[in-house]
Structures are given as C-alpha cells and as structure tokens.
Amino acid sequence: MFQYRDFTNDPNTFGYAEGAAFLEKLHANNQHYITIVDAAVYIPDPTNATDAYAPYTVGHALDTFLKNPDGTEYIGEVWPGYTVFPGE
C-alpha cells in the first residue's frame, strides 16, 4: 500500500514484479491471496497537486461518501489521516 492509500501498491517496498512472483508462488502451491480493503478513503490535501488521490476525487464527484445530517461529507480520522467512507 502506497502512503496508506487503498487500491495502491508501494513500488519501493513491494514492487509489481515482486508481487507477481509472490502470487505465482502461492498459486503454484494451491494457495490463495485475499486482499483486505479498508473502507476509509484518504482525503488528499487540495492545496498540494502531488497529493492527488483518484479514489477520493472520483468518489467525491459522484457523491458516494457518507454524509452528515447537514449534507456535508462525514469525515473521520484513521491511520492514513482524514478520511471519508463509502455510502450506499
């Protein structure tokens, strides 16, 4: 996971080639790899273009995150920082 963000892979600590080799080894041994996706979606810093995070940007544009009673996004704080949570 890159910078504690769902749907990412950290190329510095576990690159795609290493991951593919690991999965091939598991499958050759009739084992399965099960991913866990945390429901908390990181909210990027809007003043920092390099902090962009498509899962948040797209989800926000599609209005898919849980809301407060006043209609604003419900924001929590967990291990990646400020986060939102997918709704229905």
PDB file of N, CA and C in Angstrom:
ATOM      1  N   MET A   1       0.859  -1.160   0.000  1.00  0.00           N
ATOM      2  CA  MET A   1       0.000   0.000   0.000  1.00  0.00           C
ATOM      3  C   MET A   1       0.910   1.229   0.000  1.00  0.00           C
ATOM      4  N   PHE A   2       0.662   2.139  -0.897  1.00  0.00           N
ATOM      5  CA  PHE A   2       1.473   3.343  -1.024  1.00  0.00           C
ATOM      6  C   PHE A   2       0.847   4.475  -0.216  1.00  0.00           C
ATOM      7  N   GLN A   3       1.585   5.044   0.702  1.00  0.00           N
ATOM      8  CA  GLN A   3       1.148   6.161   1.546  1.00  0.00           C
ATOM      9  C   GLN A   3      -0.191   5.884   2.226  1.00  0.00           C
ATOM     10  N   TYR A   4      -0.402   4.632   2.646  1.00  0.00           N
ATOM     11  CA  TYR A   4      -1.618   4.219   3.363  1.00  0.00           C
ATOM     12  C   TYR A   4      -2.893   4.478   2.564  1.00  0.00           C
ATOM     13  N   ARG A   5      -2.826   4.322   1.264  1.00  0.00           N
ATOM     14  CA  ARG A   5      -3.991   4.573   0.408  1.00  0.00           C
ATOM     15  C   ARG A   5      -4.478   3.266  -0.208  1.00  0.00           C
ATOM     16  N   ASP A   6      -5.774   3.022  -0.079  1.00  0.00           N
ATOM     17  CA  ASP A   6      -6.379   1.838  -0.690  1.00  0.00           C
ATOM     18  C   ASP A   6      -6.142   1.830  -2.198  1.00  0.00           C
ATOM     19  N   PHE A   7      -6.148   0.643  -2.763  1.00  0.00           N
ATOM     20  CA  PHE A   7      -6.040   0.431  -4.212  1.00  0.00           C
ATOM     21  C   PHE A   7      -4.682   0.842  -4.786  1.00  0.00           C
ATOM     22  N   THR A   8      -3.645   0.856  -3.942  1.00  0.00           N
ATOM     23  CA  THR A   8      -2.316   1.232  -4.409  1.00  0.00           C
ATOM     24  C   THR A   8      -1.291   0.170  -4.015  1.00  0.00           C
ATOM     25  N   ASN A   9      -0.129   0.259  -4.619  1.00  0.00           N
ATOM     26  CA  ASN A   9       0.976  -0.633  -4.323  1.00  0.00           C
ATOM     27  C   ASN A   9       2.226   0.226  -4.170  1.00  0.00           C
ATOM     28  N   ASP A  10       3.014  -0.017  -3.124  1.00  0.00           N
ATOM     29  CA  ASP A  10       4.225   0.773  -2.908  1.00  0.00           C
ATOM     30  C   ASP A  10       5.378   0.160  -3.701  1.00  0.00           C
ATOM     31  N   PRO A  11       5.790   0.797  -4.785  1.00  0.00           N
ATOM     32  CA  PRO A  11       6.840   0.229  -5.630  1.00  0.00           C
ATOM     33  C   PRO A  11       8.206   0.172  -4.941  1.00  0.00           C
ATOM     34  N   ASN A  12       8.395   0.926  -3.876  1.00  0.00           N
ATOM     35  CA  ASN A  12       9.684   0.928  -3.181  1.00  0.00           C
ATOM     36  C   ASN A  12       9.848  -0.247  -2.225  1.00  0.00           C
ATOM     37  N   THR A  13       8.765  -0.714  -1.643  1.00  0.00           N
ATOM     38  CA  THR A  13       8.869  -1.797  -0.665  1.00  0.00           C
ATOM     39  C   THR A  13       8.358  -3.135  -1.180  1.00  0.00           C
ATOM     40  N   PHE A  14       7.502  -3.105  -2.194  1.00  0.00           N
ATOM     41  CA  PHE A  14       6.956  -4.350  -2.730  1.00  0.00           C
ATOM     42  C   PHE A  14       6.434  -4.060  -4.132  1.00  0.00           C
ATOM     43  N   GLY A  15       7.348  -4.029  -5.078  1.00  0.00           N
ATOM     44  CA  GLY A  15       7.001  -3.665  -6.452  1.00  0.00           C
ATOM     45  C   GLY A  15       6.097  -4.683  -7.131  1.00  0.00           C
ATOM     46  N   TYR A  16       5.591  -4.319  -8.285  1.00  0.00           N
ATOM     47  CA  TYR A  16       4.663  -5.185  -9.015  1.00  0.00           C
ATOM     48  C   TYR A  16       5.314  -6.498  -9.442  1.00  0.00           C
ATOM     49  N   ALA A  17       6.569  -6.459  -9.867  1.00  0.00           N
ATOM     50  CA  ALA A  17       7.239  -7.695 -10.282  1.00  0.00           C
ATOM     51  C   ALA A  17       7.374  -8.656  -9.104  1.00  0.00           C
ATOM     52  N   GLU A  18       7.762  -8.123  -7.939  1.00  0.00           N
ATOM     53  CA  GLU A  18       7.876  -8.961  -6.748  1.00  0.00           C
ATOM     54  C   GLU A  18       6.516  -9.507  -6.337  1.00  0.00           C
ATOM     55  N   GLY A  19       5.504  -8.678  -6.444  1.00  0.00           N
ATOM     56  CA  GLY A  19       4.143  -9.108  -6.106  1.00  0.00           C
ATOM     57  C   GLY A  19       3.663 -10.215  -7.023  1.00  0.00           C
ATOM     58  N   ALA A  20       3.924 -10.072  -8.315  1.00  0.00           N
ATOM     59  CA  ALA A  20       3.514 -11.102  -9.278  1.00  0.00           C
ATOM     60  C   ALA A  20       4.225 -12.422  -8.993  1.00  0.00           C
ATOM     61  N   ALA A  21       5.513 -12.348  -8.667  1.00  0.00           N
ATOM     62  CA  ALA A  21       6.267 -13.570  -8.348  1.00  0.00           C
ATOM     63  C   ALA A  21       5.716 -14.230  -7.087  1.00  0.00           C
ATOM     64  N   PHE A  22       5.372 -13.422  -6.099  1.00  0.00           N
ATOM     65  CA  PHE A  22       4.793 -13.936  -4.862  1.00  0.00           C
ATOM     66  C   PHE A  22       3.460 -14.644  -5.138  1.00  0.00           C
ATOM     67  N   LEU A  23       2.611 -14.015  -5.944  1.00  0.00           N
ATOM     68  CA  LEU A  23       1.314 -14.622  -6.272  1.00  0.00           C
ATOM     69  C   LEU A  23       1.484 -15.913  -7.069  1.00  0.00           C
ATOM     70  N   GLU A  24       2.416 -15.928  -7.995  1.00  0.00           N
ATOM     71  CA  GLU A  24       2.678 -17.157  -8.759  1.00  0.00           C
ATOM     72  C   GLU A  24       3.097 -18.291  -7.831  1.00  0.00           C
ATOM     73  N   LYS A  25       3.944 -17.977  -6.857  1.00  0.00           N
ATOM     74  CA  LYS A  25       4.392 -18.989  -5.896  1.00  0.00           C
ATOM     75  C   LYS A  25       3.214 -19.515  -5.069  1.00  0.00           C
ATOM     76  N   LEU A  26       2.357 -18.616  -4.625  1.00  0.00           N
ATOM     77  CA  LEU A  26       1.176 -19.048  -3.872  1.00  0.00           C
ATOM     78  C   LEU A  26       0.282 -19.952  -4.721  1.00  0.00           C
ATOM     79  N   HIS A  27      -0.024 -19.502  -5.920  1.00  0.00           N
ATOM     80  CA  HIS A  27      -0.916 -20.263  -6.803  1.00  0.00           C
ATOM     81  C   HIS A  27      -0.324 -21.625  -7.153  1.00  0.00           C
ATOM     82  N   ALA A  28       0.978 -21.683  -7.340  1.00  0.00           N
ATOM     83  CA  ALA A  28       1.638 -22.963  -7.643  1.00  0.00           C
ATOM     84  C   ALA A  28       1.512 -23.938  -6.474  1.00  0.00           C
ATOM     85  N   ASN A  29       1.314 -23.387  -5.276  1.00  0.00           N
ATOM     86  CA  ASN A  29       1.162 -24.200  -4.077  1.00  0.00           C
ATOM     87  C   ASN A  29      -0.320 -24.376  -3.703  1.00  0.00           C
ATOM     88  N   ASN A  30      -1.215 -24.061  -4.662  1.00  0.00           N
ATOM     89  CA  ASN A  30      -2.666 -24.144  -4.449  1.00  0.00           C
ATOM     90  C   ASN A  30      -3.136 -23.296  -3.269  1.00  0.00           C
ATOM     91  N   GLN A  31      -2.501 -22.168  -3.089  1.00  0.00           N
ATOM     92  CA  GLN A  31      -2.901 -21.225  -2.054  1.00  0.00           C
ATOM     93  C   GLN A  31      -3.547 -20.011  -2.708  1.00  0.00           C
ATOM     94  N   HIS A  32      -4.251 -19.234  -1.895  1.00  0.00           N
ATOM     95  CA  HIS A  32      -4.963 -18.052  -2.394  1.00  0.00           C
ATOM     96  C   HIS A  32      -4.459 -16.801  -1.695  1.00  0.00           C
ATOM     97  N   TYR A  33      -4.557 -15.698  -2.377  1.00  0.00           N
ATOM     98  CA  TYR A  33      -4.193 -14.403  -1.834  1.00  0.00           C
ATOM     99  C   TYR A  33      -5.480 -13.605  -1.689  1.00  0.00           C
ATOM    100  N   ILE A  34      -5.795 -13.196  -0.489  1.00  0.00           N
ATOM    101  CA  ILE A  34      -7.037 -12.464  -0.239  1.00  0.00           C
ATOM    102  C   ILE A  34      -6.666 -11.068   0.249  1.00  0.00           C
ATOM    103  N   THR A  35      -7.107 -10.076  -0.484  1.00  0.00           N
ATOM    104  CA  THR A  35      -6.812  -8.696  -0.090  1.00  0.00           C
ATOM    105  C   THR A  35      -7.897  -8.177   0.853  1.00  0.00           C
ATOM    106  N   ILE A  36      -7.510  -7.262   1.679  1.00  0.00           N
ATOM    107  CA  ILE A  36      -8.444  -6.596   2.581  1.00  0.00           C
ATOM    108  C   ILE A  36      -8.424  -5.119   2.208  1.00  0.00           C
ATOM    109  N   VAL A  37      -9.586  -4.562   1.965  1.00  0.00           N
ATOM    110  CA  VAL A  37      -9.679  -3.148   1.625  1.00  0.00           C
ATOM    111  C   VAL A  37     -10.351  -2.428   2.789  1.00  0.00           C
ATOM    112  N   ASP A  38      -9.641  -1.498   3.373  1.00  0.00           N
ATOM    113  CA  ASP A  38     -10.187  -0.697   4.449  1.00  0.00           C
ATOM    114  C   ASP A  38     -11.165   0.297   3.829  1.00  0.00           C
ATOM    115  N   ALA A  39     -12.299   0.463   4.456  1.00  0.00           N
ATOM    116  CA  ALA A  39     -13.327   1.346   3.891  1.00  0.00           C
ATOM    117  C   ALA A  39     -12.972   2.826   3.982  1.00  0.00           C
ATOM    118  N   ALA A  40     -11.979   3.186   4.774  1.00  0.00           N
ATOM    119  CA  ALA A  40     -11.605   4.591   4.923  1.00  0.00           C
ATOM    120  C   ALA A  40     -10.827   5.055   3.696  1.00  0.00           C
ATOM    121  N   VAL A  41     -11.315   6.089   3.026  1.00  0.00           N
ATOM    122  CA  VAL A  41     -10.671   6.634   1.831  1.00  0.00           C
ATOM    123  C   VAL A  41     -10.018   7.962   2.204  1.00  0.00           C
ATOM    124  N   TYR A  42      -8.722   8.027   2.017  1.00  0.00           N
ATOM    125  CA  TYR A  42      -7.929   9.214   2.351  1.00  0.00           C
ATOM    126  C   TYR A  42      -8.422  10.453   1.610  1.00  0.00           C
ATOM    127  N   ILE A  43      -8.462  11.577   2.323  1.00  0.00           N
ATOM    128  CA  ILE A  43      -8.805  12.860   1.693  1.00  0.00           C
ATOM    129  C   ILE A  43      -7.496  13.588   1.402  1.00  0.00           C
ATOM    130  N   PRO A  44      -7.163  13.801   0.131  1.00  0.00           N
ATOM    131  CA  PRO A  44      -5.901  14.483  -0.193  1.00  0.00           C
ATOM    132  C   PRO A  44      -5.957  15.970   0.140  1.00  0.00           C
ATOM    133  N   ASP A  45      -4.794  16.553   0.297  1.00  0.00           N
ATOM    134  CA  ASP A  45      -4.671  17.988   0.548  1.00  0.00           C
ATOM    135  C   ASP A  45      -4.975  18.727  -0.755  1.00  0.00           C
ATOM    136  N   PRO A  46      -6.071  19.484  -0.804  1.00  0.00           N
ATOM    137  CA  PRO A  46      -6.431  20.157  -2.061  1.00  0.00           C
ATOM    138  C   PRO A  46      -5.461  21.239  -2.499  1.00  0.00           C
ATOM    139  N   THR A  47      -4.587  21.689  -1.590  1.00  0.00           N
ATOM    140  CA  THR A  47      -3.615  22.723  -1.953  1.00  0.00           C
ATOM    141  C   THR A  47      -2.305  22.133  -2.461  1.00  0.00           C
ATOM    142  N   ASN A  48      -2.216  20.797  -2.515  1.00  0.00           N
ATOM    143  CA  ASN A  48      -0.991  20.130  -2.939  1.00  0.00           C
ATOM    144  C   ASN A  48      -1.314  19.200  -4.115  1.00  0.00           C
ATOM    145  N   ALA A  49      -0.988  19.604  -5.322  1.00  0.00           N
ATOM    146  CA  ALA A  49      -1.320  18.829  -6.522  1.00  0.00           C
ATOM    147  C   ALA A  49      -0.687  17.442  -6.508  1.00  0.00           C
ATOM    148  N   THR A  50       0.453  17.290  -5.870  1.00  0.00           N
ATOM    149  CA  THR A  50       1.111  15.977  -5.838  1.00  0.00           C
ATOM    150  C   THR A  50       0.440  15.019  -4.850  1.00  0.00           C
ATOM    151  N   ASP A  51      -0.502  15.511  -4.078  1.00  0.00           N
ATOM    152  CA  ASP A  51      -1.221  14.680  -3.107  1.00  0.00           C
ATOM    153  C   ASP A  51      -2.523  14.143  -3.698  1.00  0.00           C
ATOM    154  N   ALA A  52      -2.739  14.342  -4.988  1.00  0.00           N
ATOM    155  CA  ALA A  52      -3.976  13.903  -5.637  1.00  0.00           C
ATOM    156  C   ALA A  52      -4.196  12.412  -5.420  1.00  0.00           C
ATOM    157  N   TYR A  53      -5.467  12.020  -5.246  1.00  0.00           N
ATOM    158  CA  TYR A  53      -5.825  10.622  -4.999  1.00  0.00           C
ATOM    159  C   TYR A  53      -7.159  10.342  -5.686  1.00  0.00           C
ATOM    160  N   ALA A  54      -7.085   9.681  -6.832  1.00  0.00           N
ATOM    161  CA  ALA A  54      -8.258   9.470  -7.688  1.00  0.00           C
ATOM    162  C   ALA A  54      -9.442   8.815  -6.977  1.00  0.00           C
ATOM    163  N   PRO A  55      -9.273   7.795  -6.115  1.00  0.00           N
ATOM    164  CA  PRO A  55     -10.452   7.224  -5.457  1.00  0.00           C
ATOM    165  C   PRO A  55     -11.268   8.263  -4.679  1.00  0.00           C
ATOM    166  N   TYR A  56     -10.583   9.221  -4.053  1.00  0.00           N
ATOM    167  CA  TYR A  56     -11.342  10.271  -3.367  1.00  0.00           C
ATOM    168  C   TYR A  56     -11.955  11.235  -4.379  1.00  0.00           C
ATOM    169  N   THR A  57     -11.169  11.702  -5.330  1.00  0.00           N
ATOM    170  CA  THR A  57     -11.644  12.693  -6.289  1.00  0.00           C
ATOM    171  C   THR A  57     -12.875  12.190  -7.044  1.00  0.00           C
ATOM    172  N   VAL A  58     -12.816  10.963  -7.529  1.00  0.00           N
ATOM    173  CA  VAL A  58     -13.945  10.383  -8.279  1.00  0.00           C
ATOM    174  C   VAL A  58     -15.143  10.155  -7.356  1.00  0.00           C
ATOM    175  N   GLY A  59     -14.894   9.577  -6.173  1.00  0.00           N
ATOM    176  CA  GLY A  59     -15.986   9.342  -5.228  1.00  0.00           C
ATOM    177  C   GLY A  59     -16.669  10.618  -4.797  1.00  0.00           C
ATOM    178  N   HIS A  60     -15.877  11.668  -4.593  1.00  0.00           N
ATOM    179  CA  HIS A  60     -16.441  12.975  -4.230  1.00  0.00           C
ATOM    180  C   HIS A  60     -17.302  13.516  -5.376  1.00  0.00           C
ATOM    181  N   ALA A  61     -16.783  13.430  -6.595  1.00  0.00           N
ATOM    182  CA  ALA A  61     -17.524  13.922  -7.763  1.00  0.00           C
ATOM    183  C   ALA A  61     -18.833  13.158  -7.959  1.00  0.00           C
ATOM    184  N   LEU A  62     -18.820  11.863  -7.640  1.00  0.00           N
ATOM    185  CA  LEU A  62     -20.022  11.040  -7.791  1.00  0.00           C
ATOM    186  C   LEU A  62     -20.922  11.078  -6.556  1.00  0.00           C
ATOM    187  N   ASP A  63     -20.501  11.809  -5.530  1.00  0.00           N
ATOM    188  CA  ASP A  63     -21.295  11.972  -4.307  1.00  0.00           C
ATOM    189  C   ASP A  63     -21.584  10.620  -3.640  1.00  0.00           C
ATOM    190  N   THR A  64     -20.532   9.811  -3.474  1.00  0.00           N
ATOM    191  CA  THR A  64     -20.720   8.451  -2.979  1.00  0.00           C
ATOM    192  C   THR A  64     -20.375   8.248  -1.506  1.00  0.00           C
ATOM    193  N   PHE A  65     -19.900   9.267  -0.821  1.00  0.00           N
ATOM    194  CA  PHE A  65     -19.457   9.086   0.558  1.00  0.00           C
ATOM    195  C   PHE A  65     -20.569   9.404   1.555  1.00  0.00           C
ATOM    196  N   LEU A  66     -20.442   8.820   2.754  1.00  0.00           N
ATOM    197  CA  LEU A  66     -21.420   9.055   3.811  1.00  0.00           C
ATOM    198  C   LEU A  66     -21.518  10.537   4.125  1.00  0.00           C
ATOM    199  N   LYS A  67     -22.711  10.949   4.522  1.00  0.00           N
ATOM    200  CA  LYS A  67     -22.985  12.370   4.784  1.00  0.00           C
ATOM    201  C   LYS A  67     -23.362  12.613   6.238  1.00  0.00           C
ATOM    202  N   ASN A  68     -23.094  13.825   6.683  1.00  0.00           N
ATOM    203  CA  ASN A  68     -23.604  14.326   7.956  1.00  0.00           C
ATOM    204  C   ASN A  68     -25.057  14.739   7.744  1.00  0.00           C
ATOM    205  N   PRO A  69     -25.814  14.968   8.814  1.00  0.00           N
ATOM    206  CA  PRO A  69     -27.203  15.417   8.653  1.00  0.00           C
ATOM    207  C   PRO A  69     -27.344  16.694   7.820  1.00  0.00           C
ATOM    208  N   ASP A  70     -26.320  17.552   7.824  1.00  0.00           N
ATOM    209  CA  ASP A  70     -26.403  18.797   7.044  1.00  0.00           C
ATOM    210  C   ASP A  70     -26.002  18.612   5.572  1.00  0.00           C
ATOM    211  N   GLY A  71     -25.681  17.361   5.168  1.00  0.00           N
ATOM    212  CA  GLY A  71     -25.348  17.076   3.776  1.00  0.00           C
ATOM    213  C   GLY A  71     -23.876  17.129   3.437  1.00  0.00           C
ATOM    214  N   THR A  72     -23.043  17.556   4.357  1.00  0.00           N
ATOM    215  CA  THR A  72     -21.599  17.571   4.106  1.00  0.00           C
ATOM    216  C   THR A  72     -21.037  16.158   4.267  1.00  0.00           C
ATOM    217  N   GLU A  73     -19.871  15.924   3.686  1.00  0.00           N
ATOM    218  CA  GLU A  73     -19.240  14.614   3.831  1.00  0.00           C
ATOM    219  C   GLU A  73     -18.879  14.353   5.290  1.00  0.00           C
ATOM    220  N   TYR A  74     -19.180  13.151   5.749  1.00  0.00           N
ATOM    221  CA  TYR A  74     -18.773  12.738   7.093  1.00  0.00           C
ATOM    222  C   TYR A  74     -17.284  12.434   7.030  1.00  0.00           C
ATOM    223  N   ILE A  75     -16.486  13.131   7.837  1.00  0.00           N
ATOM    224  CA  ILE A  75     -15.033  12.971   7.825  1.00  0.00           C
ATOM    225  C   ILE A  75     -14.585  12.344   9.140  1.00  0.00           C
ATOM    226  N   GLY A  76     -13.793  11.305   9.011  1.00  0.00           N
ATOM    227  CA  GLY A  76     -13.216  10.652  10.176  1.00  0.00           C
ATOM    228  C   GLY A  76     -11.709  10.797  10.135  1.00  0.00           C
ATOM    229  N   GLU A  77     -11.065  10.293  11.166  1.00  0.00           N
ATOM    230  CA  GLU A  77      -9.604  10.312  11.167  1.00  0.00           C
ATOM    231  C   GLU A  77      -9.126   8.932  11.611  1.00  0.00           C
ATOM    232  N   VAL A  78      -8.474   8.242  10.699  1.00  0.00           N
ATOM    233  CA  VAL A  78      -7.905   6.939  10.986  1.00  0.00           C
ATOM    234  C   VAL A  78      -6.461   6.933  10.508  1.00  0.00           C
ATOM    235  N   TRP A  79      -5.857   5.764  10.363  1.00  0.00           N
ATOM    236  CA  TRP A  79      -4.420   5.686  10.117  1.00  0.00           C
ATOM    237  C   TRP A  79      -3.880   6.452   8.919  1.00  0.00           C
ATOM    238  N   PRO A  80      -4.622   6.660   7.804  1.00  0.00           N
ATOM    239  CA  PRO A  80      -3.995   7.476   6.754  1.00  0.00           C
ATOM    240  C   PRO A  80      -4.178   8.977   6.971  1.00  0.00           C
ATOM    241  N   GLY A  81      -4.955   9.370   7.963  1.00  0.00           N
ATOM    242  CA  GLY A  81      -5.247  10.786   8.193  1.00  0.00           C
ATOM    243  C   GLY A  81      -6.740  11.025   8.081  1.00  0.00           C
ATOM    244  N   TYR A  82      -7.133  12.185   7.569  1.00  0.00           N
ATOM    245  CA  TYR A  82      -8.553  12.476   7.405  1.00  0.00           C
ATOM    246  C   TYR A  82      -9.117  11.613   6.288  1.00  0.00           C
ATOM    247  N   THR A  83     -10.292  11.035   6.542  1.00  0.00           N
ATOM    248  CA  THR A  83     -10.863  10.083   5.602  1.00  0.00           C
ATOM    249  C   THR A  83     -12.365  10.257   5.483  1.00  0.00           C
ATOM    250  N   VAL A  84     -12.883   9.715   4.396  1.00  0.00           N
ATOM    251  CA  VAL A  84     -14.332   9.598   4.187  1.00  0.00           C
ATOM    252  C   VAL A  84     -14.637   8.118   4.002  1.00  0.00           C
ATOM    253  N   PHE A  85     -15.920   7.782   4.019  1.00  0.00           N
ATOM    254  CA  PHE A  85     -16.321   6.394   3.972  1.00  0.00           C
ATOM    255  C   PHE A  85     -17.392   6.189   2.905  1.00  0.00           C
ATOM    256  N   PRO A  86     -17.263   5.132   2.089  1.00  0.00           N
ATOM    257  CA  PRO A  86     -18.262   4.881   1.051  1.00  0.00           C
ATOM    258  C   PRO A  86     -19.638   4.687   1.657  1.00  0.00           C
ATOM    259  N   GLY A  87     -20.630   5.239   0.987  1.00  0.00           N
ATOM    260  CA  GLY A  87     -22.019   5.086   1.415  1.00  0.00           C
ATOM    261  C   GLY A  87     -22.711   4.025   0.597  1.00  0.00           C
ATOM    262  N   GLU A  88     -23.990   4.137   0.531  1.00  0.00           N
ATOM    263  CA  GLU A  88     -24.792   3.132  -0.183  1.00  0.00           C
ATOM    264  C   GLU A  88     -24.607   3.189  -1.674  1.00  0.00           C
TER     265      GLU A  88
END
